[in-house]
Protein backbone atom coordinates (compact mmCIF):
# COMPACT_ATOMS: atom_id res chain seq x y z
CA MET A 1 -21.89 -2.86 3.49
CA VAL A 2 -24.21 -1.19 5.93
CA ALA A 3 -27.83 -1.75 6.75
CA ALA A 4 -29.78 1.30 5.62
CA ARG A 5 -30.58 3.54 8.58
CA GLY A 6 -28.21 1.44 10.70
CA ALA A 7 -26.90 2.84 13.94
CA GLY A 8 -23.40 1.39 13.66
CA ARG A 9 -20.16 2.59 12.17
CA VAL A 10 -18.23 0.78 9.47
CA ALA A 11 -14.60 1.20 8.48
CA GLY A 12 -14.20 1.64 4.75
CA GLU A 13 -12.34 3.19 1.88
CA LEU A 14 -13.45 6.02 -0.38
CA TYR A 15 -12.78 6.12 -4.11
CA ALA A 16 -13.51 8.77 -6.72
CA VAL A 17 -14.87 7.00 -9.80
CA GLU A 18 -16.16 8.18 -13.15
CA SER A 19 -19.72 7.53 -14.26
CA LEU A 20 -18.80 4.59 -16.52
CA LEU A 21 -17.16 2.73 -13.64
CA LEU A 22 -20.01 3.69 -11.31
CA ALA A 23 -22.46 2.06 -13.73
CA LYS A 24 -20.34 -1.12 -13.70
CA LEU A 25 -20.24 -1.07 -9.90
CA ASP A 26 -24.02 -0.65 -9.84
CA ALA A 27 -24.36 -3.74 -12.02
CA PHE A 28 -21.91 -5.72 -9.86
CA GLU A 29 -23.71 -4.74 -6.64
CA GLU A 30 -27.09 -5.31 -8.35
CA HIS A 31 -28.22 -1.80 -7.45
CA PRO A 32 -31.01 -1.25 -6.48
CA HIS A 33 -32.19 -4.85 -6.02
CA VAL A 34 -29.53 -6.27 -3.69
CA TYR A 35 -27.52 -3.27 -2.53
CA ARG A 36 -28.85 0.26 -2.81
CA ARG A 37 -26.44 3.12 -3.58
CA SER A 38 -27.27 5.89 -1.12
CA PHE A 39 -25.76 9.07 0.28
CA ILE A 40 -24.25 8.80 3.76
CA GLN A 41 -22.23 11.17 5.93
CA THR A 42 -18.74 10.21 7.12
CA LEU A 43 -17.41 10.97 10.58
CA ALA A 44 -15.44 13.82 8.96
CA GLY A 45 -18.73 15.30 7.75
CA ASP A 46 -18.28 14.51 4.06
CA VAL A 47 -21.34 13.31 2.15
CA VAL A 48 -20.46 10.28 0.01
CA GLN A 49 -22.23 7.39 -1.67
CA ALA A 50 -22.18 3.85 -0.31
CA TYR A 51 -23.87 0.57 -1.15
CA LEU A 52 -26.32 -0.32 1.61
CA LEU A 53 -28.48 -3.28 2.48
CA ARG A 54 -32.09 -2.57 3.34
CA PRO A 55 -32.96 -3.42 6.97
CA GLU A 56 -35.09 -6.39 5.93
CA GLN A 57 -32.09 -7.84 4.07
CA ALA A 58 -29.72 -7.29 7.01
CA ARG A 59 -32.08 -8.69 9.64
CA GLY A 60 -30.60 -11.79 11.21
CA LEU A 61 -27.09 -11.26 9.82
CA PRO A 62 -24.23 -11.24 12.33
CA VAL A 63 -23.04 -7.87 13.65
CA MET A 64 -19.35 -6.99 13.57
CA ALA A 65 -18.63 -5.08 16.77
CA SER A 66 -15.34 -3.78 15.31
CA GLY A 67 -17.12 -2.39 12.25
CA CYS A 68 -14.21 -3.61 10.11
CA TRP A 69 -14.65 -6.60 7.82
CA ARG A 70 -10.90 -6.90 7.22
CA ARG A 71 -10.15 -7.09 10.97
CA ARG A 72 -13.04 -9.38 11.91
CA ASP A 73 -10.81 -12.40 12.56
CA GLU A 74 -8.47 -10.37 14.79
CA ALA A 75 -11.46 -9.43 16.93
CA GLY A 76 -12.67 -13.03 17.05
CA GLU A 77 -15.70 -12.17 14.94
CA ARG A 78 -16.23 -15.34 12.97
CA HIS A 79 -19.12 -15.04 10.56
CA ARG A 80 -21.03 -17.63 8.70
CA ALA A 81 -21.54 -17.20 4.98
CA VAL A 82 -25.04 -16.02 4.15
CA ASP A 83 -26.48 -16.13 0.66
CA LEU A 84 -28.10 -12.90 -0.53
CA PRO A 85 -30.04 -12.46 -3.78
CA GLY A 86 -27.72 -12.64 -6.76
CA GLY A 87 -25.23 -14.85 -4.94
CA HIS A 88 -23.68 -12.00 -2.94
CA LYS A 89 -22.09 -12.75 0.41
CA PRO A 90 -22.01 -10.17 3.21
């Protein structure tokens, strides 16, 4: 998850999905109300889609300096749970 127009980098994985699965992912991520599916550019220059938080939703949330949610504990980045609309957790 990335704040829209954020200045940071985030480690992630890319998946090719068909439109039926994309529609299910949109419903799961509550697009466009909670997360917004948007085009972003990777460091390799590829243009892909990602689910982003709007800046007003991300404001006040902790920042992960490592940019990697899976490695946050290794880097000592302990984060509190924050409730987002729809019961999502960042």
